[in-house]
C-alpha atoms as a PDB file:
ATOM      1  CA  MET A   1     121.354 189.864 198.459  1.00  0.00           C
ATOM      2  CA  SER A   2     121.834 192.721 196.761  1.00  0.00           C
ATOM      3  CA  PRO A   3     124.306 195.835 197.975  1.00  0.00           C
ATOM      4  CA  PHE A   4     120.866 198.293 197.638  1.00  0.00           C
ATOM      5  CA  PHE A   5     119.592 196.235 200.719  1.00  0.00           C
ATOM      6  CA  PRO A   6     121.788 196.841 203.816  1.00  0.00           C
ATOM      7  CA  GLY A   7     121.458 195.980 207.328  1.00  0.00           C
ATOM      8  CA  VAL A   8     118.381 196.591 208.752  1.00  0.00           C
ATOM      9  CA  THR A   9     116.360 196.738 205.324  1.00  0.00           C
ATOM     10  CA  GLN A  10     117.626 193.244 204.593  1.00  0.00           C
ATOM     11  CA  ASN A  11     116.343 192.135 208.406  1.00  0.00           C
ATOM     12  CA  LEU A  12     113.064 193.384 207.062  1.00  0.00           C
ATOM     13  CA  VAL A  13     112.876 191.814 203.883  1.00  0.00           C
ATOM     14  CA  GLN A  14     113.524 188.412 205.520  1.00  0.00           C
ATOM     15  CA  GLN A  15     111.010 188.982 208.147  1.00  0.00           C
ATOM     16  CA  PHE A  16     108.499 189.933 206.093  1.00  0.00           C
ATOM     17  CA  SER A  17     109.354 187.280 203.300  1.00  0.00           C
ATOM     18  CA  TRP A  18     109.496 190.403 200.728  1.00  0.00           C
ATOM     19  CA  GLU A  19     110.086 189.283 197.003  1.00  0.00           C
ATOM     20  CA  GLN A  20     113.445 191.217 196.399  1.00  0.00           C
ATOM     21  CA  PHE A  21     113.761 192.270 192.341  1.00  0.00           C
ATOM     22  CA  ASP A  22     117.360 191.739 190.709  1.00  0.00           C
ATOM     23  CA  HIS A  23     117.445 195.134 188.968  1.00  0.00           C
ATOM     24  CA  LEU A  24     118.245 198.565 189.892  1.00  0.00           C
ATOM     25  CA  PRO A  25     114.747 200.246 191.910  1.00  0.00           C
ATOM     26  CA  TYR A  26     114.851 202.812 188.573  1.00  0.00           C
ATOM     27  CA  SER A  27     115.736 203.410 185.267  1.00  0.00           C
ATOM     28  CA  PRO A  28     118.127 206.304 184.332  1.00  0.00           C
ATOM     29  CA  ASP A  29     116.551 206.414 181.040  1.00  0.00           C
ATOM     30  CA  LEU A  30     113.015 206.200 181.869  1.00  0.00           C
ATOM     31  CA  ALA A  31     112.626 208.844 184.883  1.00  0.00           C
ATOM     32  CA  PRO A  32     109.043 209.789 186.610  1.00  0.00           C
ATOM     33  CA  SER A  33     109.358 212.762 184.721  1.00  0.00           C
ATOM     34  CA  ASP A  34     109.481 211.343 181.535  1.00  0.00           C
ATOM     35  CA  TYR A  35     106.018 209.721 182.129  1.00  0.00           C
ATOM     36  CA  HIS A  36     102.733 210.825 179.943  1.00  0.00           C
ATOM     37  CA  LEU A  37     101.437 213.089 182.452  1.00  0.00           C
ATOM     38  CA  PHE A  38     104.391 214.900 183.922  1.00  0.00           C
ATOM     39  CA  LEU A  39     105.576 215.420 180.084  1.00  0.00           C
ATOM     40  CA  ASN A  40     101.834 217.154 179.573  1.00  0.00           C
ATOM     41  CA  LEU A  41     102.011 218.899 182.493  1.00  0.00           C
ATOM     42  CA  LYS A  42     104.909 220.459 182.245  1.00  0.00           C
ATOM     43  CA  ARG A  43     103.959 221.405 178.381  1.00  0.00           C
ATOM     44  CA  ASP A  44     100.884 223.287 179.466  1.00  0.00           C
ATOM     45  CA  PHE A  45     102.062 224.588 183.081  1.00  0.00           C
ATOM     46  CA  GLY A  46     105.357 225.470 181.357  1.00  0.00           C
ATOM     47  CA  GLY A  47     106.259 229.467 182.197  1.00  0.00           C
ATOM     48  CA  ARG A  48     103.189 229.756 183.742  1.00  0.00           C
ATOM     49  CA  SER A  49     104.005 232.218 187.349  1.00  0.00           C
ATOM     50  CA  LEU A  50     101.749 231.246 190.236  1.00  0.00           C
ATOM     51  CA  ASP A  51     101.353 232.889 193.150  1.00  0.00           C
ATOM     52  CA  SER A  52     100.770 230.328 195.584  1.00  0.00           C
ATOM     53  CA  ASP A  53     101.092 226.465 196.392  1.00  0.00           C
ATOM     54  CA  ASP A  54      96.836 226.715 196.334  1.00  0.00           C
ATOM     55  CA  ASP A  55      97.177 228.634 193.281  1.00  0.00           C
ATOM     56  CA  ALA A  56      99.079 225.766 191.946  1.00  0.00           C
ATOM     57  CA  LYS A  57      97.032 222.958 193.575  1.00  0.00           C
ATOM     58  CA  ASN A  58      93.946 224.516 191.942  1.00  0.00           C
ATOM     59  CA  GLY A  59      95.804 224.982 188.477  1.00  0.00           C
ATOM     60  CA  VAL A  60      97.031 221.511 188.516  1.00  0.00           C
ATOM     61  CA  GLN A  61      93.344 219.992 190.026  1.00  0.00           C
ATOM     62  CA  GLN A  62      91.449 222.196 187.231  1.00  0.00           C
ATOM     63  CA  TRP A  63      94.028 220.715 184.737  1.00  0.00           C
ATOM     64  CA  LEU A  64      93.344 217.150 185.277  1.00  0.00           C
ATOM     65  CA  SER A  65      89.543 217.651 185.285  1.00  0.00           C
ATOM     66  CA  SER A  66      89.932 218.777 182.108  1.00  0.00           C
ATOM     67  CA  LEU A  67      91.680 216.052 180.621  1.00  0.00           C
ATOM     68  CA  ALA A  68      89.407 213.179 178.962  1.00  0.00           C
ATOM     69  CA  ALA A  69      89.561 209.266 180.064  1.00  0.00           C
ATOM     70  CA  SER A  70      91.651 208.341 176.816  1.00  0.00           C
ATOM     71  CA  PHE A  71      93.917 211.061 177.846  1.00  0.00           C
ATOM     72  CA  PHE A  72      94.938 208.725 180.498  1.00  0.00           C
ATOM     73  CA  GLU A  73      94.788 205.234 178.757  1.00  0.00           C
ATOM     74  CA  GLY A  74      97.048 206.441 176.140  1.00  0.00           C
ATOM     75  CA  GLY A  75      99.684 206.696 178.825  1.00  0.00           C
ATOM     76  CA  ILE A  76      98.979 203.955 180.646  1.00  0.00           C
ATOM     77  CA  ASP A  77      99.329 201.883 177.107  1.00  0.00           C
ATOM     78  CA  ARG A  78     102.657 203.852 176.527  1.00  0.00           C
ATOM     79  CA  LEU A  79     103.987 203.058 179.663  1.00  0.00           C
ATOM     80  CA  VAL A  80     103.352 199.567 179.567  1.00  0.00           C
ATOM     81  CA  SER A  81     104.867 199.197 176.462  1.00  0.00           C
ATOM     82  CA  ALA A  82     107.641 200.911 177.595  1.00  0.00           C
ATOM     83  CA  THR A  83     108.170 199.222 180.658  1.00  0.00           C
ATOM     84  CA  THR A  84     108.196 195.618 178.910  1.00  0.00           C
ATOM     85  CA  ASN A  85     110.911 196.396 176.474  1.00  0.00           C
ATOM     86  CA  VAL A  86     113.082 197.548 179.003  1.00  0.00           C
END
């Protein structure tokens, strides 16, 4: 067992017959903020001042609604390429 599965977690992995991956649970060179969606979200919202959580939620919902399907398709294609080349 990997050192990333101490004690109780090891028991759960065995109990549920879960598959254990032999790699780290993250890739330091591929942080979630580097993904397509978050890069564009940071670009479009960078420097904006929002007065409340509701303003932020509404702004993000409007932004997501304005995006074309091709935006998401392109991001998924790039993510697949990035993860298969790791």
